[in-house]
């Protein structure tokens, strides 16, 4: 699917609802700002010793940004941390889809 815009920066306009994300690898910043469309499709859950979210989500961004992403990297979107679960899938038109799972946080025993 090719976007209606030849200029992908216009396609990922925050005024139109696009989200800014930060790409982290091992806690270090790889990309300070990655623009894309986030489809969360998740629910909060509390499993006792672990807190997380119940299902994955998708982040669609420029293929050039996605080329730097690897499984187990983290995208921070609106303050929430998501782990990249598989290599990004390119659409051949300049976009890529990134599958995410909420990062699970282990809580110390009380």
N, C-alpha and C. Protein backbone atom coordinates (compact mmCIF):
# COMPACT_ATOMS: atom_id res chain seq x y z
N UNK A 1 0.84 -1.18 0.00
CA UNK A 1 0.00 0.00 0.00
C UNK A 1 0.88 1.24 0.00
N UNK A 2 0.71 2.10 -0.95
CA UNK A 2 1.49 3.33 -1.04
C UNK A 2 0.67 4.47 -0.45
N UNK A 3 1.26 5.28 0.46
CA UNK A 3 0.50 6.39 1.05
C UNK A 3 0.16 7.43 -0.02
N UNK A 4 -0.83 8.24 0.31
CA UNK A 4 -1.27 9.27 -0.62
C UNK A 4 -0.28 10.43 -0.71
N UNK A 5 0.73 10.41 0.12
CA UNK A 5 1.71 11.49 0.17
C UNK A 5 3.03 11.03 -0.41
N UNK A 6 3.62 11.86 -1.26
CA UNK A 6 4.98 11.57 -1.69
C UNK A 6 5.96 11.98 -0.61
N UNK A 7 5.55 12.94 0.24
CA UNK A 7 6.36 13.40 1.35
C UNK A 7 5.86 12.69 2.62
N UNK A 8 6.59 11.68 3.07
CA UNK A 8 6.14 10.91 4.23
C UNK A 8 6.15 11.72 5.52
N UNK A 9 6.94 12.81 5.57
CA UNK A 9 6.90 13.66 6.75
C UNK A 9 5.52 14.28 6.91
N UNK A 10 4.86 14.61 5.79
CA UNK A 10 3.50 15.14 5.84
C UNK A 10 2.51 14.04 6.25
N UNK A 11 2.76 12.81 5.82
CA UNK A 11 1.91 11.68 6.17
C UNK A 11 1.94 11.42 7.69
N UNK A 12 3.09 11.63 8.31
CA UNK A 12 3.25 11.39 9.75
C UNK A 12 3.19 12.70 10.53
N UNK A 13 2.20 13.52 10.23
CA UNK A 13 2.02 14.81 10.88
C UNK A 13 1.36 14.62 12.26
N UNK A 14 1.99 15.13 13.32
CA UNK A 14 1.39 14.99 14.66
C UNK A 14 0.02 15.69 14.75
N UNK A 15 -0.20 16.71 13.95
CA UNK A 15 -1.50 17.39 13.96
C UNK A 15 -2.61 16.49 13.43
N UNK A 16 -2.23 15.46 12.70
CA UNK A 16 -3.20 14.50 12.15
C UNK A 16 -3.29 13.24 13.01
N UNK A 17 -2.59 13.22 14.15
CA UNK A 17 -2.67 12.09 15.07
C UNK A 17 -1.47 11.17 15.09
N UNK A 18 -0.46 11.46 14.29
CA UNK A 18 0.75 10.62 14.31
C UNK A 18 1.45 10.78 15.67
N UNK A 19 2.16 9.74 16.07
CA UNK A 19 2.84 9.73 17.36
C UNK A 19 4.35 9.82 17.19
N UNK A 20 4.99 10.48 18.12
CA UNK A 20 6.45 10.52 18.17
C UNK A 20 6.92 9.41 19.11
N UNK A 21 7.91 8.66 18.68
CA UNK A 21 8.46 7.58 19.51
C UNK A 21 9.97 7.76 19.62
N UNK A 22 10.53 7.13 20.63
CA UNK A 22 11.98 7.12 20.82
C UNK A 22 12.42 5.66 20.75
N UNK A 23 13.48 5.39 19.99
CA UNK A 23 14.00 4.03 19.84
C UNK A 23 15.19 3.83 20.76
N UNK A 24 15.10 2.79 21.60
CA UNK A 24 16.17 2.47 22.55
C UNK A 24 16.71 1.07 22.29
N UNK A 25 17.98 0.90 22.50
CA UNK A 25 18.62 -0.41 22.42
C UNK A 25 19.54 -0.54 23.63
N UNK A 26 19.24 -1.50 24.50
CA UNK A 26 20.05 -1.68 25.70
C UNK A 26 20.06 -0.45 26.58
N UNK A 27 18.97 0.32 26.57
CA UNK A 27 18.86 1.52 27.38
C UNK A 27 19.42 2.77 26.72
N UNK A 28 20.17 2.63 25.63
CA UNK A 28 20.76 3.78 24.94
C UNK A 28 19.84 4.24 23.81
N UNK A 29 19.80 5.53 23.58
CA UNK A 29 18.97 6.09 22.52
C UNK A 29 19.61 5.83 21.16
N UNK A 30 18.85 5.17 20.26
CA UNK A 30 19.29 4.93 18.89
C UNK A 30 18.74 6.03 17.99
N UNK A 31 17.44 6.31 18.13
CA UNK A 31 16.79 7.40 17.41
C UNK A 31 16.00 8.22 18.44
N UNK A 32 16.26 9.50 18.47
CA UNK A 32 15.57 10.37 19.44
C UNK A 32 14.10 10.54 19.10
N UNK A 33 13.80 10.63 17.80
CA UNK A 33 12.39 10.86 17.40
C UNK A 33 12.08 10.09 16.12
N UNK A 34 11.12 9.19 16.23
CA UNK A 34 10.61 8.42 15.10
C UNK A 34 9.12 8.74 15.02
N UNK A 35 8.68 9.27 13.89
CA UNK A 35 7.25 9.57 13.72
C UNK A 35 6.56 8.37 13.09
N UNK A 36 5.34 8.11 13.56
CA UNK A 36 4.59 7.00 13.01
C UNK A 36 3.17 6.97 13.52
N UNK A 37 2.43 5.98 13.07
CA UNK A 37 1.06 5.76 13.52
C UNK A 37 1.06 4.55 14.44
N UNK A 38 0.55 4.75 15.66
CA UNK A 38 0.52 3.67 16.65
C UNK A 38 -0.91 3.15 16.77
N UNK A 39 -1.04 1.84 16.61
CA UNK A 39 -2.32 1.15 16.78
C UNK A 39 -2.17 0.28 18.02
N UNK A 40 -2.61 0.78 19.19
CA UNK A 40 -2.29 0.09 20.45
C UNK A 40 -2.96 -1.27 20.66
N UNK A 41 -4.26 -1.39 20.45
CA UNK A 41 -4.97 -2.67 20.65
C UNK A 41 -4.47 -3.46 21.84
N UNK A 42 -4.34 -2.81 22.98
CA UNK A 42 -3.86 -3.50 24.18
C UNK A 42 -4.75 -3.19 25.37
N UNK A 43 -4.63 -4.02 26.40
CA UNK A 43 -5.35 -3.80 27.65
C UNK A 43 -4.36 -3.95 28.80
N UNK A 44 -4.52 -3.10 29.81
CA UNK A 44 -3.66 -3.20 30.99
C UNK A 44 -3.98 -4.48 31.76
N UNK A 45 -2.96 -5.06 32.38
CA UNK A 45 -3.18 -6.25 33.20
C UNK A 45 -2.20 -6.23 34.37
N UNK A 46 -2.58 -6.85 35.45
CA UNK A 46 -1.74 -6.95 36.63
C UNK A 46 -1.73 -8.42 37.02
N UNK A 47 -0.56 -9.06 36.85
CA UNK A 47 -0.46 -10.49 37.12
C UNK A 47 0.27 -10.81 38.41
N UNK A 48 0.16 -9.96 39.43
CA UNK A 48 0.84 -10.22 40.68
C UNK A 48 2.28 -9.74 40.62
N UNK A 49 3.23 -10.66 40.37
CA UNK A 49 4.64 -10.30 40.33
C UNK A 49 5.03 -9.58 39.05
N UNK A 50 4.16 -9.62 38.05
CA UNK A 50 4.44 -8.97 36.77
C UNK A 50 3.29 -8.03 36.41
N UNK A 51 3.63 -6.92 35.80
CA UNK A 51 2.63 -6.01 35.26
C UNK A 51 2.95 -5.81 33.79
N UNK A 52 1.94 -5.71 32.99
CA UNK A 52 2.17 -5.52 31.57
C UNK A 52 0.88 -5.27 30.86
N UNK A 53 0.85 -5.64 29.60
CA UNK A 53 -0.35 -5.50 28.80
C UNK A 53 -0.63 -6.84 28.14
N UNK A 54 -1.89 -7.05 27.79
CA UNK A 54 -2.31 -8.38 27.38
C UNK A 54 -2.03 -8.75 25.92
N UNK A 55 -1.85 -7.78 25.05
CA UNK A 55 -1.63 -8.13 23.66
C UNK A 55 -0.72 -7.12 22.99
N UNK A 56 -0.35 -7.40 21.75
CA UNK A 56 0.58 -6.55 21.05
C UNK A 56 -0.07 -5.40 20.33
N UNK A 57 0.75 -4.61 19.69
CA UNK A 57 0.27 -3.48 18.92
C UNK A 57 1.18 -3.30 17.71
N UNK A 58 0.83 -2.34 16.86
CA UNK A 58 1.60 -2.07 15.64
C UNK A 58 2.01 -0.61 15.60
N UNK A 59 3.17 -0.36 15.02
CA UNK A 59 3.65 1.00 14.79
C UNK A 59 4.07 1.06 13.33
N UNK A 60 3.47 1.96 12.57
CA UNK A 60 3.80 2.12 11.16
C UNK A 60 4.63 3.39 11.02
N UNK A 61 5.79 3.26 10.37
CA UNK A 61 6.71 4.39 10.25
C UNK A 61 7.44 4.32 8.91
N UNK A 62 8.34 5.28 8.70
CA UNK A 62 9.14 5.28 7.47
C UNK A 62 10.05 4.05 7.46
N UNK A 63 10.18 3.47 6.30
CA UNK A 63 11.06 2.31 6.10
C UNK A 63 12.50 2.65 6.52
N UNK A 64 12.94 3.87 6.26
CA UNK A 64 14.31 4.27 6.61
C UNK A 64 14.53 4.26 8.12
N UNK A 65 13.50 4.62 8.90
CA UNK A 65 13.62 4.55 10.36
C UNK A 65 13.54 3.10 10.85
N UNK A 66 12.62 2.33 10.26
CA UNK A 66 12.43 0.94 10.66
C UNK A 66 13.67 0.10 10.36
N UNK A 67 14.46 0.50 9.38
CA UNK A 67 15.67 -0.25 9.03
C UNK A 67 16.66 -0.30 10.19
N UNK A 68 16.55 0.64 11.12
CA UNK A 68 17.44 0.67 12.29
C UNK A 68 16.90 -0.15 13.46
N UNK A 69 15.68 -0.66 13.35
CA UNK A 69 15.03 -1.37 14.45
C UNK A 69 15.31 -2.86 14.41
N UNK A 70 15.49 -3.42 15.59
CA UNK A 70 15.76 -4.86 15.73
C UNK A 70 14.85 -5.44 16.81
N UNK A 71 14.55 -6.74 16.71
CA UNK A 71 13.80 -7.37 17.80
C UNK A 71 14.50 -7.15 19.14
N UNK A 72 13.71 -6.92 20.16
CA UNK A 72 14.14 -6.65 21.54
C UNK A 72 14.52 -5.20 21.78
N UNK A 73 14.58 -4.38 20.71
CA UNK A 73 14.70 -2.94 20.91
C UNK A 73 13.41 -2.46 21.56
N UNK A 74 13.44 -1.26 22.11
CA UNK A 74 12.27 -0.70 22.78
C UNK A 74 11.87 0.61 22.10
N UNK A 75 10.58 0.75 21.85
CA UNK A 75 10.01 2.02 21.39
C UNK A 75 9.25 2.63 22.56
N UNK A 76 9.53 3.88 22.87
CA UNK A 76 8.80 4.60 23.90
C UNK A 76 7.82 5.51 23.18
N UNK A 77 6.52 5.25 23.39
CA UNK A 77 5.45 5.99 22.72
C UNK A 77 4.54 6.56 23.80
N UNK A 78 4.42 7.87 23.85
CA UNK A 78 3.59 8.53 24.86
C UNK A 78 3.92 8.05 26.27
N UNK A 79 5.20 7.87 26.55
CA UNK A 79 5.64 7.47 27.88
C UNK A 79 5.54 5.98 28.17
N UNK A 80 4.97 5.20 27.26
CA UNK A 80 4.85 3.76 27.46
C UNK A 80 5.93 3.05 26.66
N UNK A 81 6.47 1.98 27.24
CA UNK A 81 7.57 1.24 26.62
C UNK A 81 7.04 -0.04 25.97
N UNK A 82 7.41 -0.22 24.69
CA UNK A 82 7.00 -1.39 23.91
C UNK A 82 8.24 -2.07 23.35
N UNK A 83 8.28 -3.40 23.46
CA UNK A 83 9.39 -4.16 22.89
C UNK A 83 9.05 -4.56 21.46
N UNK A 84 10.02 -4.43 20.56
CA UNK A 84 9.85 -4.88 19.17
C UNK A 84 10.01 -6.39 19.17
N UNK A 85 9.00 -7.09 18.65
CA UNK A 85 8.98 -8.56 18.77
C UNK A 85 9.49 -9.30 17.54
N UNK A 86 9.56 -8.63 16.38
CA UNK A 86 10.09 -9.28 15.17
C UNK A 86 10.62 -8.20 14.24
N UNK A 87 11.41 -8.56 13.27
CA UNK A 87 11.93 -7.54 12.35
C UNK A 87 10.78 -6.80 11.66
N UNK A 88 10.94 -5.48 11.43
CA UNK A 88 9.90 -4.72 10.74
C UNK A 88 9.62 -5.29 9.34
N UNK A 89 8.36 -5.15 8.92
CA UNK A 89 7.94 -5.62 7.60
C UNK A 89 7.75 -4.40 6.70
N UNK A 90 8.52 -4.37 5.61
CA UNK A 90 8.45 -3.24 4.67
C UNK A 90 7.32 -3.47 3.68
N UNK A 91 6.66 -2.38 3.26
CA UNK A 91 5.56 -2.51 2.32
C UNK A 91 5.97 -2.26 0.87
N UNK A 92 7.22 -1.86 0.65
CA UNK A 92 7.69 -1.60 -0.70
C UNK A 92 7.38 -0.20 -1.20
N UNK A 93 6.65 0.57 -0.41
CA UNK A 93 6.29 1.93 -0.81
C UNK A 93 6.85 2.98 0.12
N UNK A 94 7.84 2.60 0.92
CA UNK A 94 8.46 3.56 1.84
C UNK A 94 8.01 3.44 3.27
N UNK A 95 7.04 2.57 3.54
CA UNK A 95 6.55 2.38 4.91
C UNK A 95 6.96 1.01 5.44
N UNK A 96 6.92 0.88 6.76
CA UNK A 96 7.19 -0.40 7.41
C UNK A 96 6.27 -0.54 8.62
N UNK A 97 5.89 -1.77 8.90
CA UNK A 97 5.05 -2.08 10.06
C UNK A 97 5.92 -2.78 11.10
N UNK A 98 5.84 -2.30 12.33
CA UNK A 98 6.65 -2.83 13.42
C UNK A 98 5.70 -3.45 14.45
N UNK A 99 5.88 -4.74 14.74
CA UNK A 99 5.05 -5.43 15.74
C UNK A 99 5.65 -5.22 17.12
N UNK A 100 4.77 -4.82 18.04
CA UNK A 100 5.21 -4.48 19.39
C UNK A 100 4.47 -5.30 20.44
N UNK A 101 5.13 -5.49 21.56
CA UNK A 101 4.49 -6.06 22.74
C UNK A 101 4.86 -5.16 23.90
N UNK A 102 3.92 -4.87 24.77
CA UNK A 102 4.26 -4.04 25.91
C UNK A 102 5.41 -4.66 26.70
N UNK A 103 6.33 -3.83 27.08
CA UNK A 103 7.46 -4.30 27.88
C UNK A 103 6.93 -4.73 29.24
N UNK A 104 7.26 -5.93 29.68
CA UNK A 104 6.81 -6.45 30.96
C UNK A 104 7.78 -6.00 32.04
N UNK A 105 7.24 -5.47 33.11
CA UNK A 105 8.05 -4.99 34.22
C UNK A 105 7.93 -5.97 35.38
N UNK A 106 9.05 -6.46 35.85
CA UNK A 106 9.02 -7.34 37.01
C UNK A 106 9.02 -6.48 38.26
N UNK A 107 8.13 -6.79 39.18
CA UNK A 107 8.01 -6.03 40.42
C UNK A 107 8.73 -6.80 41.53
N UNK A 108 9.53 -6.10 42.30
CA UNK A 108 10.25 -6.73 43.41
C UNK A 108 9.25 -7.22 44.45
N UNK A 109 9.50 -8.40 45.04
CA UNK A 109 8.61 -8.91 46.09
C UNK A 109 8.59 -7.95 47.29
N UNK A 110 7.45 -7.90 47.93
CA UNK A 110 7.29 -7.00 49.08
C UNK A 110 7.54 -7.75 50.36
